[in-house]
Amino acid sequence: MNVSTTKRFIEFATKAIQGQVETRLSEVFSLLEMDDGLFPLEKLKLACESIESFGLEMHPGMREGDVDTLRSFRAPRARESLKQIVQEVLDLESPTLELKSSLFYDYKRAEGQPGATLPDLKSEAVCHSALKTINAFLNTKGGVLYIGADDDGNILGVDKDFAYTKDIDGWELCLRDMIQSRFKDGKSINEYIEMSFYVIDGFNLARLKVFPRKNLSCIKKPKSGYAVYARQGNRTAEIGIEDVEEFLTKKAASL
């Protein structure tokens, strides 16, 4: 059994190829103008065939959630060249680009306290700084976070963090675990983050592509409850509880 690819579905697929689109499979059924007489499994099969025909990825996949689970649809990731990566880092920070020296290792403390031990140089504040940037990108227009580059675009790598994670695989696993545990709906949020790694001048540079999310994203603060962050120019700012309603209105209008 085949289903006709409608104009509305083509428009949806085109937007997904250009960036990312969030919707539910039940809405995809509607975009494809499926016959109500089809069995649910037939609808799923035909929807997946249409999605795959445009080369789109669906996150989360079919094994999670149901037809009313909010999912993201986008084209497969194209790995950037080293030249592109270096140029992006040299462009420094912007509303959609942020640089962080590390995920755990506190360079400032190491400089100010030469005798500090490795356990002393593992910083919760440094870690939260990276996580709140991810939160801000999720809540606004998305963006790219480089971990392993300082504010001047110097490549430091995340190699200092390996004192706490052993290697790059452990580093990614640790970051994914923190996103899942510290973000509200963290398991789902991991689907909005693509991680890739590049070796530049012998250092491991991490690139996190964060896609924007329709739902409000919240993160646990180190010593208190949840917080909401957003990008304001080239900085990350916390949204006060008194401003959340206004922020949500603006966020909905920008979608």
C-alpha atoms as a PDB file:
ATOM      1  CA  MET A   1       0.000   0.000   0.000  1.00  0.00           C
ATOM      2  CA  ASN A   2       1.366   3.425  -0.933  1.00  0.00           C
ATOM      3  CA  VAL A   3       0.560   6.894   0.287  1.00  0.00           C
ATOM      4  CA  SER A   4       0.774  10.048  -1.828  1.00  0.00           C
ATOM      5  CA  THR A   5       3.354  12.616  -0.763  1.00  0.00           C
ATOM      6  CA  THR A   6       1.344  15.773  -0.243  1.00  0.00           C
ATOM      7  CA  LYS A   7       2.390  19.376  -0.658  1.00  0.00           C
ATOM      8  CA  ARG A   8       2.092  19.900   3.096  1.00  0.00           C
ATOM      9  CA  PHE A   9       4.405  16.967   3.794  1.00  0.00           C
ATOM     10  CA  ILE A  10       6.946  18.212   1.238  1.00  0.00           C
ATOM     11  CA  GLU A  11       6.954  21.618   2.955  1.00  0.00           C
ATOM     12  CA  PHE A  12       7.453  19.890   6.315  1.00  0.00           C
ATOM     13  CA  ALA A  13      10.318  17.736   4.955  1.00  0.00           C
ATOM     14  CA  THR A  14      11.979  20.759   3.317  1.00  0.00           C
ATOM     15  CA  LYS A  15      12.014  22.652   6.624  1.00  0.00           C
ATOM     16  CA  ALA A  16      13.453  19.602   8.385  1.00  0.00           C
ATOM     17  CA  ILE A  17      16.224  19.296   5.796  1.00  0.00           C
ATOM     18  CA  GLN A  18      17.092  22.974   6.235  1.00  0.00           C
ATOM     19  CA  GLY A  19      17.252  22.724  10.023  1.00  0.00           C
ATOM     20  CA  GLN A  20      14.944  20.872  12.372  1.00  0.00           C
ATOM     21  CA  VAL A  21      11.192  20.479  12.816  1.00  0.00           C
ATOM     22  CA  GLU A  22       9.359  19.259  15.895  1.00  0.00           C
ATOM     23  CA  THR A  23       6.040  17.490  15.590  1.00  0.00           C
ATOM     24  CA  ARG A  24       4.200  14.266  16.434  1.00  0.00           C
ATOM     25  CA  LEU A  25       3.649  11.208  14.270  1.00  0.00           C
ATOM     26  CA  SER A  26      -0.080  11.812  14.553  1.00  0.00           C
ATOM     27  CA  GLU A  27       0.512  15.153  12.828  1.00  0.00           C
ATOM     28  CA  VAL A  28       2.638  13.439  10.164  1.00  0.00           C
ATOM     29  CA  PHE A  29      -0.356  11.185   9.466  1.00  0.00           C
ATOM     30  CA  SER A  30      -2.397  14.352   8.937  1.00  0.00           C
ATOM     31  CA  LEU A  31       0.248  15.936   6.691  1.00  0.00           C
ATOM     32  CA  LEU A  32       0.160  12.815   4.529  1.00  0.00           C
ATOM     33  CA  GLU A  33      -3.649  12.917   4.494  1.00  0.00           C
ATOM     34  CA  MET A  34      -3.914   9.255   5.453  1.00  0.00           C
ATOM     35  CA  ASP A  35      -7.199   7.425   5.204  1.00  0.00           C
ATOM     36  CA  ASP A  36      -8.830   7.067   8.634  1.00  0.00           C
ATOM     37  CA  GLY A  37      -9.645   3.489   7.701  1.00  0.00           C
ATOM     38  CA  LEU A  38      -5.986   2.431   7.812  1.00  0.00           C
ATOM     39  CA  PHE A  39      -4.816   0.349  10.751  1.00  0.00           C
ATOM     40  CA  PRO A  40      -2.380   2.125  13.147  1.00  0.00           C
ATOM     41  CA  LEU A  41       0.539  -0.105  12.126  1.00  0.00           C
ATOM     42  CA  GLU A  42      -0.154   0.609   8.458  1.00  0.00           C
ATOM     43  CA  LYS A  43      -0.043   4.347   9.198  1.00  0.00           C
ATOM     44  CA  LEU A  44       3.257   3.973  11.050  1.00  0.00           C
ATOM     45  CA  LYS A  45       4.793   1.968   8.219  1.00  0.00           C
ATOM     46  CA  LEU A  46       3.728   4.448   5.557  1.00  0.00           C
ATOM     47  CA  ALA A  47       4.814   7.460   7.638  1.00  0.00           C
ATOM     48  CA  CYS A  48       8.264   5.941   8.208  1.00  0.00           C
ATOM     49  CA  GLU A  49       8.619   5.200   4.499  1.00  0.00           C
ATOM     50  CA  SER A  50       7.778   8.823   3.646  1.00  0.00           C
ATOM     51  CA  ILE A  51      10.197  10.160   6.265  1.00  0.00           C
ATOM     52  CA  GLU A  52      12.994   7.887   5.026  1.00  0.00           C
ATOM     53  CA  SER A  53      12.315   8.802   1.394  1.00  0.00           C
ATOM     54  CA  PHE A  54      13.491  12.334   2.204  1.00  0.00           C
ATOM     55  CA  GLY A  55      16.511  11.035   4.121  1.00  0.00           C
ATOM     56  CA  LEU A  56      15.268  12.428   7.430  1.00  0.00           C
ATOM     57  CA  GLU A  57      16.206  11.219  10.897  1.00  0.00           C
ATOM     58  CA  MET A  58      13.573  10.999  13.640  1.00  0.00           C
ATOM     59  CA  HIS A  59      14.475  11.522  17.315  1.00  0.00           C
ATOM     60  CA  PRO A  60      13.476   9.692  19.441  1.00  0.00           C
ATOM     61  CA  GLY A  61      13.045   6.650  17.215  1.00  0.00           C
ATOM     62  CA  MET A  62      10.077   4.337  16.834  1.00  0.00           C
ATOM     63  CA  ARG A  63      10.967   2.264  19.877  1.00  0.00           C
ATOM     64  CA  GLU A  64      10.208   5.115  22.263  1.00  0.00           C
ATOM     65  CA  GLY A  65       6.955   6.914  22.988  1.00  0.00           C
ATOM     66  CA  ASP A  66       3.761   6.756  20.949  1.00  0.00           C
ATOM     67  CA  VAL A  67       2.168   8.645  18.051  1.00  0.00           C
ATOM     68  CA  ASP A  68       1.618  11.710  20.266  1.00  0.00           C
ATOM     69  CA  THR A  69       5.206  11.902  21.529  1.00  0.00           C
ATOM     70  CA  LEU A  70       6.889  15.124  20.432  1.00  0.00           C
ATOM     71  CA  ARG A  71       9.768  14.226  18.092  1.00  0.00           C
ATOM     72  CA  SER A  72      12.399  16.122  16.145  1.00  0.00           C
ATOM     73  CA  PHE A  73      12.998  15.540  12.435  1.00  0.00           C
ATOM     74  CA  ARG A  74      16.208  16.602  10.705  1.00  0.00           C
ATOM     75  CA  ALA A  75      18.662  15.664   7.987  1.00  0.00           C
ATOM     76  CA  PRO A  76      21.596  13.396   8.914  1.00  0.00           C
ATOM     77  CA  ARG A  77      24.552  15.242  10.372  1.00  0.00           C
ATOM     78  CA  ALA A  78      27.219  16.313   7.904  1.00  0.00           C
ATOM     79  CA  ARG A  79      30.635  16.269   9.557  1.00  0.00           C
ATOM     80  CA  GLU A  80      32.381  19.615   9.262  1.00  0.00           C
ATOM     81  CA  SER A  81      35.922  19.885   7.951  1.00  0.00           C
ATOM     82  CA  LEU A  82      38.790  20.878  10.237  1.00  0.00           C
ATOM     83  CA  LYS A  83      39.064  24.134   8.318  1.00  0.00           C
ATOM     84  CA  GLN A  84      35.417  24.927   9.040  1.00  0.00           C
ATOM     85  CA  ILE A  85      35.855  24.056  12.703  1.00  0.00           C
ATOM     86  CA  VAL A  86      38.906  26.269  13.153  1.00  0.00           C
ATOM     87  CA  GLN A  87      37.179  29.170  11.401  1.00  0.00           C
ATOM     88  CA  GLU A  88      34.074  28.740  13.555  1.00  0.00           C
ATOM     89  CA  VAL A  89      36.163  28.848  16.734  1.00  0.00           C
ATOM     90  CA  LEU A  90      38.082  31.895  15.511  1.00  0.00           C
ATOM     91  CA  ASP A  91      34.795  33.698  14.878  1.00  0.00           C
ATOM     92  CA  LEU A  92      34.455  33.665  18.689  1.00  0.00           C
ATOM     93  CA  GLU A  93      31.175  33.961  20.571  1.00  0.00           C
ATOM     94  CA  SER A  94      27.809  35.039  19.166  1.00  0.00           C
ATOM     95  CA  PRO A  95      24.117  34.437  19.959  1.00  0.00           C
ATOM     96  CA  THR A  96      24.491  30.946  18.475  1.00  0.00           C
ATOM     97  CA  LEU A  97      28.126  30.145  19.314  1.00  0.00           C
ATOM     98  CA  GLU A  98      29.788  29.686  22.699  1.00  0.00           C
ATOM     99  CA  LEU A  99      33.293  28.623  23.734  1.00  0.00           C
ATOM    100  CA  LYS A 100      34.158  26.829  26.993  1.00  0.00           C
ATOM    101  CA  SER A 101      37.668  25.857  28.068  1.00  0.00           C
ATOM    102  CA  SER A 102      36.624  22.575  29.698  1.00  0.00           C
ATOM    103  CA  LEU A 103      33.799  20.592  31.224  1.00  0.00           C
ATOM    104  CA  PHE A 104      35.389  19.991  34.645  1.00  0.00           C
ATOM    105  CA  TYR A 105      38.971  21.275  34.857  1.00  0.00           C
ATOM    106  CA  ASP A 106      39.230  24.755  36.405  1.00  0.00           C
ATOM    107  CA  TYR A 107      41.972  26.597  34.501  1.00  0.00           C
ATOM    108  CA  LYS A 108      41.567  29.795  36.526  1.00  0.00           C
ATOM    109  CA  ARG A 109      41.960  27.962  39.824  1.00  0.00           C
ATOM    110  CA  ALA A 110      44.963  26.056  38.453  1.00  0.00           C
ATOM    111  CA  GLU A 111      46.625  29.360  37.503  1.00  0.00           C
ATOM    112  CA  GLY A 112      45.860  30.983  40.858  1.00  0.00           C
ATOM    113  CA  GLN A 113      46.716  27.918  42.969  1.00  0.00           C
ATOM    114  CA  PRO A 114      49.754  26.199  41.372  1.00  0.00           C
ATOM    115  CA  GLY A 115      49.882  23.573  44.126  1.00  0.00           C
ATOM    116  CA  ALA A 116      46.247  22.486  43.799  1.00  0.00           C
ATOM    117  CA  THR A 117      45.646  18.761  43.310  1.00  0.00           C
ATOM    118  CA  LEU A 118      43.568  17.304  40.463  1.00  0.00           C
ATOM    119  CA  PRO A 119      40.581  16.628  42.736  1.00  0.00           C
ATOM    120  CA  ASP A 120      40.728  20.275  43.854  1.00  0.00           C
ATOM    121  CA  LEU A 121      40.667  21.421  40.233  1.00  0.00           C
ATOM    122  CA  LYS A 122      37.443  19.619  39.372  1.00  0.00           C
ATOM    123  CA  SER A 123      34.865  22.405  39.428  1.00  0.00           C
ATOM    124  CA  GLU A 124      31.084  22.149  39.663  1.00  0.00           C
ATOM    125  CA  ALA A 125      30.846  25.808  38.620  1.00  0.00           C
ATOM    126  CA  VAL A 126      32.792  25.110  35.406  1.00  0.00           C
ATOM    127  CA  CYS A 127      30.539  22.144  34.649  1.00  0.00           C
ATOM    128  CA  HIS A 128      27.326  24.087  35.294  1.00  0.00           C
ATOM    129  CA  SER A 129      28.534  26.886  33.043  1.00  0.00           C
ATOM    130  CA  ALA A 130      28.613  24.491  30.080  1.00  0.00           C
ATOM    131  CA  LEU A 131      25.282  22.880  30.972  1.00  0.00           C
ATOM    132  CA  LYS A 132      23.462  26.194  31.301  1.00  0.00           C
ATOM    133  CA  THR A 133      24.710  27.201  27.841  1.00  0.00           C
ATOM    134  CA  ILE A 134      23.130  24.020  26.472  1.00  0.00           C
ATOM    135  CA  ASN A 135      19.937  24.946  28.318  1.00  0.00           C
ATOM    136  CA  ALA A 136      19.985  28.442  26.824  1.00  0.00           C
ATOM    137  CA  PHE A 137      20.414  27.147  23.271  1.00  0.00           C
ATOM    138  CA  LEU A 138      17.521  24.711  23.777  1.00  0.00           C
ATOM    139  CA  ASN A 139      15.284  27.576  24.889  1.00  0.00           C
ATOM    140  CA  THR A 140      16.160  29.995  22.092  1.00  0.00           C
ATOM    141  CA  LYS A 141      17.334  29.375  18.530  1.00  0.00           C
ATOM    142  CA  GLY A 142      19.816  26.568  19.144  1.00  0.00           C
ATOM    143  CA  GLY A 143      23.538  26.922  18.624  1.00  0.00           C
ATOM    144  CA  VAL A 144      26.989  25.380  18.772  1.00  0.00           C
ATOM    145  CA  LEU A 145      28.973  24.938  21.968  1.00  0.00           C
ATOM    146  CA  TYR A 146      32.682  24.198  21.727  1.00  0.00           C
ATOM    147  CA  ILE A 147      34.263  22.680  24.819  1.00  0.00           C
ATOM    148  CA  GLY A 148      38.039  22.822  24.770  1.00  0.00           C
ATOM    149  CA  ALA A 149      38.530  26.378  23.439  1.00  0.00           C
ATOM    150  CA  ASP A 150      38.970  29.548  25.491  1.00  0.00           C
ATOM    151  CA  ASP A 151      37.321  32.936  24.957  1.00  0.00           C
ATOM    152  CA  ASP A 152      40.138  34.033  22.621  1.00  0.00           C
ATOM    153  CA  GLY A 153      39.707  31.016  20.344  1.00  0.00           C
ATOM    154  CA  ASN A 154      42.798  29.169  21.618  1.00  0.00           C
ATOM    155  CA  ILE A 155      42.420  25.385  21.345  1.00  0.00           C
ATOM    156  CA  LEU A 156      42.993  23.808  24.771  1.00  0.00           C
ATOM    157  CA  GLY A 157      41.139  20.551  24.223  1.00  0.00           C
ATOM    158  CA  VAL A 158      39.147  18.611  26.801  1.00  0.00           C
ATOM    159  CA  ASP A 159      42.214  16.490  27.591  1.00  0.00           C
ATOM    160  CA  LYS A 160      42.578  17.981  31.099  1.00  0.00           C
ATOM    161  CA  ASP A 161      39.122  16.565  31.841  1.00  0.00           C
ATOM    162  CA  PHE A 162      40.404  13.049  31.178  1.00  0.00           C
ATOM    163  CA  ALA A 163      41.804  13.085  34.725  1.00  0.00           C
ATOM    164  CA  TYR A 164      38.159  12.621  35.732  1.00  0.00           C
ATOM    165  CA  THR A 165      36.723  10.654  32.769  1.00  0.00           C
ATOM    166  CA  LYS A 166      39.774   8.628  31.539  1.00  0.00           C
ATOM    167  CA  ASP A 167      39.211   9.196  27.797  1.00  0.00           C
ATOM    168  CA  ILE A 168      36.976  10.801  25.176  1.00  0.00           C
ATOM    169  CA  ASP A 169      34.387   8.018  25.305  1.00  0.00           C
ATOM    170  CA  GLY A 170      34.101   8.356  29.064  1.00  0.00           C
ATOM    171  CA  TRP A 171      33.887  12.133  28.664  1.00  0.00           C
ATOM    172  CA  GLU A 172      30.914  11.917  26.300  1.00  0.00           C
ATOM    173  CA  LEU A 173      29.195   9.290  28.456  1.00  0.00           C
ATOM    174  CA  CYS A 174      29.649  11.461  31.536  1.00  0.00           C
ATOM    175  CA  LEU A 175      28.213  14.508  29.781  1.00  0.00           C
ATOM    176  CA  ARG A 176      25.251  12.522  28.421  1.00  0.00           C
ATOM    177  CA  ASP A 177      24.557  11.146  31.912  1.00  0.00           C
ATOM    178  CA  MET A 178      24.616  14.634  33.415  1.00  0.00           C
ATOM    179  CA  ILE A 179      22.229  15.946  30.779  1.00  0.00           C
ATOM    180  CA  GLN A 180      19.841  13.082  31.504  1.00  0.00           C
ATOM    181  CA  SER A 181      19.998  13.521  35.279  1.00  0.00           C
ATOM    182  CA  ARG A 182      20.173  17.310  35.623  1.00  0.00           C
ATOM    183  CA  PHE A 183      17.737  18.444  32.934  1.00  0.00           C
ATOM    184  CA  LYS A 184      14.008  18.039  33.283  1.00  0.00           C
ATOM    185  CA  ASP A 185      13.118  15.472  30.576  1.00  0.00           C
ATOM    186  CA  GLY A 186      16.865  14.883  30.232  1.00  0.00           C
ATOM    187  CA  LYS A 187      16.556  11.625  28.302  1.00  0.00           C
ATOM    188  CA  SER A 188      14.533  13.399  25.622  1.00  0.00           C
ATOM    189  CA  ILE A 189      16.846  16.422  25.632  1.00  0.00           C
ATOM    190  CA  ASN A 190      19.840  14.250  24.750  1.00  0.00           C
ATOM    191  CA  GLU A 191      18.142  13.724  21.380  1.00  0.00           C
ATOM    192  CA  TYR A 192      18.532  17.456  20.687  1.00  0.00           C
ATOM    193  CA  ILE A 193      22.307  17.414  21.068  1.00  0.00           C
ATOM    194  CA  GLU A 194      24.772  16.121  18.485  1.00  0.00           C
ATOM    195  CA  MET A 195      28.334  15.632  19.706  1.00  0.00           C
ATOM    196  CA  SER A 196      31.394  15.347  17.505  1.00  0.00           C
ATOM    197  CA  PHE A 197      35.109  15.451  18.283  1.00  0.00           C
ATOM    198  CA  TYR A 198      38.093  16.827  16.369  1.00  0.00           C
ATOM    199  CA  VAL A 199      41.816  16.496  17.023  1.00  0.00           C
ATOM    200  CA  ILE A 200      43.483  19.856  16.429  1.00  0.00           C
ATOM    201  CA  ASP A 201      47.175  20.390  17.242  1.00  0.00           C
ATOM    202  CA  GLY A 202      47.037  17.186  19.287  1.00  0.00           C
ATOM    203  CA  PHE A 203      44.103  18.327  21.435  1.00  0.00           C
ATOM    204  CA  ASN A 204      40.592  16.838  21.524  1.00  0.00           C
ATOM    205  CA  LEU A 205      38.035  19.547  20.794  1.00  0.00           C
ATOM    206  CA  ALA A 206      34.348  18.778  21.457  1.00  0.00           C
ATOM    207  CA  ARG A 207      31.628  20.308  19.279  1.00  0.00           C
ATOM    208  CA  LEU A 208      28.038  20.197  20.548  1.00  0.00           C
ATOM    209  CA  LYS A 209      25.320  21.117  18.073  1.00  0.00           C
ATOM    210  CA  VAL A 210      22.232  21.989  20.133  1.00  0.00           C
ATOM    211  CA  PHE A 211      18.863  22.161  18.399  1.00  0.00           C
ATOM    212  CA  PRO A 212      16.077  24.444  19.656  1.00  0.00           C
ATOM    213  CA  ARG A 213      13.208  22.819  21.543  1.00  0.00           C
ATOM    214  CA  LYS A 214       9.532  23.804  21.576  1.00  0.00           C
ATOM    215  CA  ASN A 215       8.989  22.853  25.215  1.00  0.00           C
ATOM    216  CA  LEU A 216      10.618  24.912  27.935  1.00  0.00           C
ATOM    217  CA  SER A 217      13.874  23.334  29.112  1.00  0.00           C
ATOM    218  CA  CYS A 218      14.857  23.518  32.786  1.00  0.00           C
ATOM    219  CA  ILE A 219      18.077  22.517  34.548  1.00  0.00           C
ATOM    220  CA  LYS A 220      18.963  21.844  38.173  1.00  0.00           C
ATOM    221  CA  LYS A 221      21.211  24.443  39.757  1.00  0.00           C
ATOM    222  CA  PRO A 222      24.106  23.154  41.913  1.00  0.00           C
ATOM    223  CA  LYS A 223      22.647  24.294  45.253  1.00  0.00           C
ATOM    224  CA  SER A 224      18.960  24.954  44.596  1.00  0.00           C
ATOM    225  CA  GLY A 225      16.018  24.003  42.390  1.00  0.00           C
ATOM    226  CA  TYR A 226      15.493  24.213  38.657  1.00  0.00           C
ATOM    227  CA  ALA A 227      16.390  27.240  36.554  1.00  0.00           C
ATOM    228  CA  VAL A 228      15.694  28.423  33.021  1.00  0.00           C
ATOM    229  CA  TYR A 229      18.370  30.043  30.852  1.00  0.00           C
ATOM    230  CA  ALA A 230      18.227  31.812  27.493  1.00  0.00           C
ATOM    231  CA  ARG A 231      20.647  33.527  25.122  1.00  0.00           C
ATOM    232  CA  GLN A 232      20.751  37.301  25.266  1.00  0.00           C
ATOM    233  CA  GLY A 233      23.152  38.447  22.589  1.00  0.00           C
ATOM    234  CA  ASN A 234      26.372  36.478  23.053  1.00  0.00           C
ATOM    235  CA  ARG A 235      25.765  35.670  26.713  1.00  0.00           C
ATOM    236  CA  THR A 236      23.664  33.229  28.710  1.00  0.00           C
ATOM    237  CA  ALA A 237      21.209  34.727  31.192  1.00  0.00           C
ATOM    238  CA  GLU A 238      18.866  33.216  33.752  1.00  0.00           C
ATOM    239  CA  ILE A 239      15.158  33.907  33.251  1.00  0.00           C
ATOM    240  CA  GLY A 240      13.569  34.926  36.565  1.00  0.00           C
ATOM    241  CA  ILE A 241      10.328  33.255  37.606  1.00  0.00           C
ATOM    242  CA  GLU A 242       8.539  36.574  37.178  1.00  0.00           C
ATOM    243  CA  ASP A 243       9.635  36.730  33.524  1.00  0.00           C
ATOM    244  CA  VAL A 244       8.948  33.134  32.476  1.00  0.00           C
ATOM    245  CA  GLU A 245       5.415  33.797  31.209  1.00  0.00           C
ATOM    246  CA  GLU A 246       6.580  36.674  28.999  1.00  0.00           C
ATOM    247  CA  PHE A 247       9.505  34.559  27.774  1.00  0.00           C
ATOM    248  CA  LEU A 248       7.167  31.686  26.839  1.00  0.00           C
ATOM    249  CA  THR A 249       4.928  34.067  24.895  1.00  0.00           C
ATOM    250  CA  LYS A 250       7.886  35.382  22.892  1.00  0.00           C
ATOM    251  CA  LYS A 251       9.212  31.855  22.396  1.00  0.00           C
ATOM    252  CA  ALA A 252       5.869  30.627  21.016  1.00  0.00           C
ATOM    253  CA  ALA A 253       5.653  33.632  18.672  1.00  0.00           C
ATOM    254  CA  SER A 254       9.110  32.914  17.239  1.00  0.00           C
ATOM    255  CA  LEU A 255       8.327  29.293  16.303  1.00  0.00           C
END
